[in-house]
Amino acid sequence: MNSTEIEKLINNFFEKLNDKEFETIESYLSPHVVFHFPGTQPLKGSKKVKQLLQIIYRRYPHLKFRVNDIIIQKNRVAAIWENAGTDKQGKPYRNEGVTIFTFEQGKVIYMSDYFKDTSFGNRS
């Protein structure tokens, strides 16, 4: 994949996340993807990643991401984003972070999230 294709895939990934199109997101992932997400053990496999994303959107049903920058170095990408929405009780939530992606043969094989506010896990 060239950098234009990678940038398009990253933008599509976050658009599909905003639209809660989890099956499409799963299609971007290698079946053996590893995802490091704060507060969890590394998730292994595209189905586990999809399940986590679904859980997040149950807690934050109106969450929307905006990608502010994409930095590409060979097969590695840093997507710098911010998000905002409400939790299931209607309380506002906002965050900023970076997701690191690694690609192999056109699929995401590695993801790791780094963000400022990790309190989302404490909300019920």
C-alpha atoms as a PDB file:
ATOM      1  CA  MET A   1       0.000   0.000   0.000  1.00  0.00           C
ATOM      2  CA  ASN A   2       1.218   3.484  -0.760  1.00  0.00           C
ATOM      3  CA  SER A   3       0.776   6.429   1.593  1.00  0.00           C
ATOM      4  CA  THR A   4      -2.308   7.744  -0.244  1.00  0.00           C
ATOM      5  CA  GLU A   5      -4.038   4.365   0.100  1.00  0.00           C
ATOM      6  CA  ILE A   6      -3.080   4.124   3.773  1.00  0.00           C
ATOM      7  CA  GLU A   7      -4.367   7.627   4.510  1.00  0.00           C
ATOM      8  CA  LYS A   8      -7.665   6.818   2.793  1.00  0.00           C
ATOM      9  CA  LEU A   9      -8.007   3.577   4.778  1.00  0.00           C
ATOM     10  CA  ILE A  10      -7.349   5.373   8.089  1.00  0.00           C
ATOM     11  CA  ASN A  11      -9.943   8.050   7.305  1.00  0.00           C
ATOM     12  CA  ASN A  12     -12.420   5.336   6.275  1.00  0.00           C
ATOM     13  CA  PHE A  13     -11.690   3.417   9.490  1.00  0.00           C
ATOM     14  CA  PHE A  14     -12.703   6.379  11.651  1.00  0.00           C
ATOM     15  CA  GLU A  15     -15.702   7.234   9.440  1.00  0.00           C
ATOM     16  CA  LYS A  16     -16.971   3.664   9.780  1.00  0.00           C
ATOM     17  CA  LEU A  17     -16.313   3.820  13.524  1.00  0.00           C
ATOM     18  CA  ASN A  18     -18.442   6.966  13.736  1.00  0.00           C
ATOM     19  CA  ASP A  19     -21.168   5.184  11.753  1.00  0.00           C
ATOM     20  CA  LYS A  20     -20.864   2.085  14.003  1.00  0.00           C
ATOM     21  CA  GLU A  21     -20.168  -0.127  10.984  1.00  0.00           C
ATOM     22  CA  PHE A  22     -18.267  -2.713  12.998  1.00  0.00           C
ATOM     23  CA  GLU A  23     -18.350  -5.423  10.312  1.00  0.00           C
ATOM     24  CA  THR A  24     -16.633  -3.054   7.865  1.00  0.00           C
ATOM     25  CA  ILE A  25     -14.035  -2.139  10.482  1.00  0.00           C
ATOM     26  CA  GLU A  26     -13.369  -5.813  11.094  1.00  0.00           C
ATOM     27  CA  SER A  27     -12.696  -6.247   7.360  1.00  0.00           C
ATOM     28  CA  TYR A  28      -9.798  -3.760   7.646  1.00  0.00           C
ATOM     29  CA  LEU A  29      -8.158  -5.913  10.332  1.00  0.00           C
ATOM     30  CA  SER A  30      -6.009  -8.995   9.998  1.00  0.00           C
ATOM     31  CA  PRO A  31      -7.656 -11.980  11.703  1.00  0.00           C
ATOM     32  CA  HIS A  32      -4.538 -12.007  13.924  1.00  0.00           C
ATOM     33  CA  VAL A  33      -4.456  -8.278  14.779  1.00  0.00           C
ATOM     34  CA  VAL A  34      -3.178  -7.288  18.214  1.00  0.00           C
ATOM     35  CA  PHE A  35      -4.737  -4.230  19.878  1.00  0.00           C
ATOM     36  CA  HIS A  36      -3.299  -2.594  22.980  1.00  0.00           C
ATOM     37  CA  PHE A  37      -6.031  -0.556  24.657  1.00  0.00           C
ATOM     38  CA  PRO A  38      -5.571   1.188  28.022  1.00  0.00           C
ATOM     39  CA  GLY A  39      -7.021  -0.739  30.939  1.00  0.00           C
ATOM     40  CA  THR A  40      -7.157  -4.089  29.123  1.00  0.00           C
ATOM     41  CA  GLN A  41      -4.868  -6.954  28.306  1.00  0.00           C
ATOM     42  CA  PRO A  42      -3.753  -6.968  24.657  1.00  0.00           C
ATOM     43  CA  LEU A  43      -6.668  -8.063  22.501  1.00  0.00           C
ATOM     44  CA  LYS A  44      -5.785 -10.690  19.924  1.00  0.00           C
ATOM     45  CA  GLY A  45      -7.921 -11.206  16.854  1.00  0.00           C
ATOM     46  CA  SER A  46     -10.274  -9.084  14.784  1.00  0.00           C
ATOM     47  CA  LYS A  47     -13.382 -10.430  16.518  1.00  0.00           C
ATOM     48  CA  LYS A  48     -12.080  -9.367  19.953  1.00  0.00           C
ATOM     49  CA  VAL A  49     -11.265  -5.884  18.636  1.00  0.00           C
ATOM     50  CA  LYS A  50     -14.746  -5.603  17.128  1.00  0.00           C
ATOM     51  CA  GLN A  51     -16.307  -6.681  20.442  1.00  0.00           C
ATOM     52  CA  LEU A  52     -14.364  -4.015  22.363  1.00  0.00           C
ATOM     53  CA  LEU A  53     -15.463  -1.315  19.919  1.00  0.00           C
ATOM     54  CA  GLN A  54     -19.075  -2.426  20.307  1.00  0.00           C
ATOM     55  CA  ILE A  55     -18.747  -2.247  24.110  1.00  0.00           C
ATOM     56  CA  ILE A  56     -17.304   1.273  23.885  1.00  0.00           C
ATOM     57  CA  TYR A  57     -20.219   2.395  21.718  1.00  0.00           C
ATOM     58  CA  ARG A  58     -22.745   0.893  24.127  1.00  0.00           C
ATOM     59  CA  ARG A  59     -21.216   3.098  26.862  1.00  0.00           C
ATOM     60  CA  TYR A  60     -20.883   6.115  24.528  1.00  0.00           C
ATOM     61  CA  PRO A  61     -23.656   5.787  21.955  1.00  0.00           C
ATOM     62  CA  HIS A  62     -23.102   9.260  20.456  1.00  0.00           C
ATOM     63  CA  LEU A  63     -19.299   9.200  20.302  1.00  0.00           C
ATOM     64  CA  LYS A  64     -17.760  10.778  17.186  1.00  0.00           C
ATOM     65  CA  PHE A  65     -14.099  10.866  16.182  1.00  0.00           C
ATOM     66  CA  ARG A  66     -12.367  13.544  14.148  1.00  0.00           C
ATOM     67  CA  VAL A  67      -8.943  12.800  12.702  1.00  0.00           C
ATOM     68  CA  ASN A  68      -6.715  15.875  12.926  1.00  0.00           C
ATOM     69  CA  ASP A  69      -3.529  14.464  11.423  1.00  0.00           C
ATOM     70  CA  ILE A  70      -2.113  11.274   9.971  1.00  0.00           C
ATOM     71  CA  ILE A  71       1.600  10.562  10.062  1.00  0.00           C
ATOM     72  CA  ILE A  72       2.790   7.727   7.840  1.00  0.00           C
ATOM     73  CA  GLN A  73       6.177   6.041   7.983  1.00  0.00           C
ATOM     74  CA  LYS A  74       6.431   3.027   5.689  1.00  0.00           C
ATOM     75  CA  ASN A  75       3.822   0.572   7.027  1.00  0.00           C
ATOM     76  CA  ARG A  76       3.253   2.404  10.323  1.00  0.00           C
ATOM     77  CA  VAL A  77       0.717   5.145  10.941  1.00  0.00           C
ATOM     78  CA  ALA A  78      -0.058   7.525  13.789  1.00  0.00           C
ATOM     79  CA  ALA A  79      -3.611   8.866  13.602  1.00  0.00           C
ATOM     80  CA  ILE A  80      -4.041  11.901  15.854  1.00  0.00           C
ATOM     81  CA  TRP A  81      -7.689  12.344  16.808  1.00  0.00           C
ATOM     82  CA  GLU A  82     -10.171  13.918  19.128  1.00  0.00           C
ATOM     83  CA  ASN A  83     -13.597  12.647  20.027  1.00  0.00           C
ATOM     84  CA  ALA A  84     -16.713  13.920  21.708  1.00  0.00           C
ATOM     85  CA  GLY A  85     -20.111  12.595  22.612  1.00  0.00           C
ATOM     86  CA  THR A  86     -22.174  11.541  25.573  1.00  0.00           C
ATOM     87  CA  ASP A  87     -22.214   8.457  27.720  1.00  0.00           C
ATOM     88  CA  LYS A  88     -25.365   6.355  28.072  1.00  0.00           C
ATOM     89  CA  GLN A  89     -26.546   8.607  30.942  1.00  0.00           C
ATOM     90  CA  GLY A  90     -26.232  11.662  28.702  1.00  0.00           C
ATOM     91  CA  LYS A  91     -23.115  13.064  30.390  1.00  0.00           C
ATOM     92  CA  PRO A  92     -20.707  14.784  27.990  1.00  0.00           C
ATOM     93  CA  TYR A  93     -17.432  13.071  27.159  1.00  0.00           C
ATOM     94  CA  ARG A  94     -14.469  14.365  25.199  1.00  0.00           C
ATOM     95  CA  ASN A  95     -10.968  13.072  24.640  1.00  0.00           C
ATOM     96  CA  GLU A  96      -7.840  13.417  22.509  1.00  0.00           C
ATOM     97  CA  GLY A  97      -5.398  10.745  21.523  1.00  0.00           C
ATOM     98  CA  VAL A  98      -3.295   8.853  19.042  1.00  0.00           C
ATOM     99  CA  THR A  99      -3.850   5.435  17.550  1.00  0.00           C
ATOM    100  CA  ILE A 100      -0.797   3.664  16.171  1.00  0.00           C
ATOM    101  CA  PHE A 101      -1.471   1.261  13.292  1.00  0.00           C
ATOM    102  CA  THR A 102       0.852  -1.205  11.565  1.00  0.00           C
ATOM    103  CA  PHE A 103      -0.120  -2.657   8.182  1.00  0.00           C
ATOM    104  CA  GLU A 104       0.860  -5.870   6.475  1.00  0.00           C
ATOM    105  CA  GLN A 105      -0.517  -6.975   3.118  1.00  0.00           C
ATOM    106  CA  GLY A 106      -3.192  -4.270   3.217  1.00  0.00           C
ATOM    107  CA  LYS A 107      -4.539  -5.213   6.663  1.00  0.00           C
ATOM    108  CA  VAL A 108      -4.047  -3.771  10.137  1.00  0.00           C
ATOM    109  CA  ILE A 109      -1.898  -6.206  12.135  1.00  0.00           C
ATOM    110  CA  TYR A 110      -1.250  -3.989  15.170  1.00  0.00           C
ATOM    111  CA  MET A 111      -3.072  -1.142  16.928  1.00  0.00           C
ATOM    112  CA  SER A 112      -2.279   0.722  20.109  1.00  0.00           C
ATOM    113  CA  ASP A 113      -4.277   3.571  21.639  1.00  0.00           C
ATOM    114  CA  TYR A 114      -2.829   6.411  23.691  1.00  0.00           C
ATOM    115  CA  PHE A 115      -5.192   9.060  25.046  1.00  0.00           C
ATOM    116  CA  LYS A 116      -5.477  11.719  27.717  1.00  0.00           C
ATOM    117  CA  ASP A 117      -8.658  10.870  29.630  1.00  0.00           C
ATOM    118  CA  THR A 118      -8.836   7.241  30.729  1.00  0.00           C
ATOM    119  CA  SER A 119     -11.820   7.781  33.046  1.00  0.00           C
ATOM    120  CA  PHE A 120     -14.200   6.267  30.468  1.00  0.00           C
ATOM    121  CA  GLY A 121     -13.609   2.859  32.023  1.00  0.00           C
ATOM    122  CA  ASN A 122     -14.906   4.102  35.385  1.00  0.00           C
ATOM    123  CA  ARG A 123     -18.291   5.158  34.032  1.00  0.00           C
ATOM    124  CA  SER A 124     -21.084   2.625  34.169  1.00  0.00           C
END
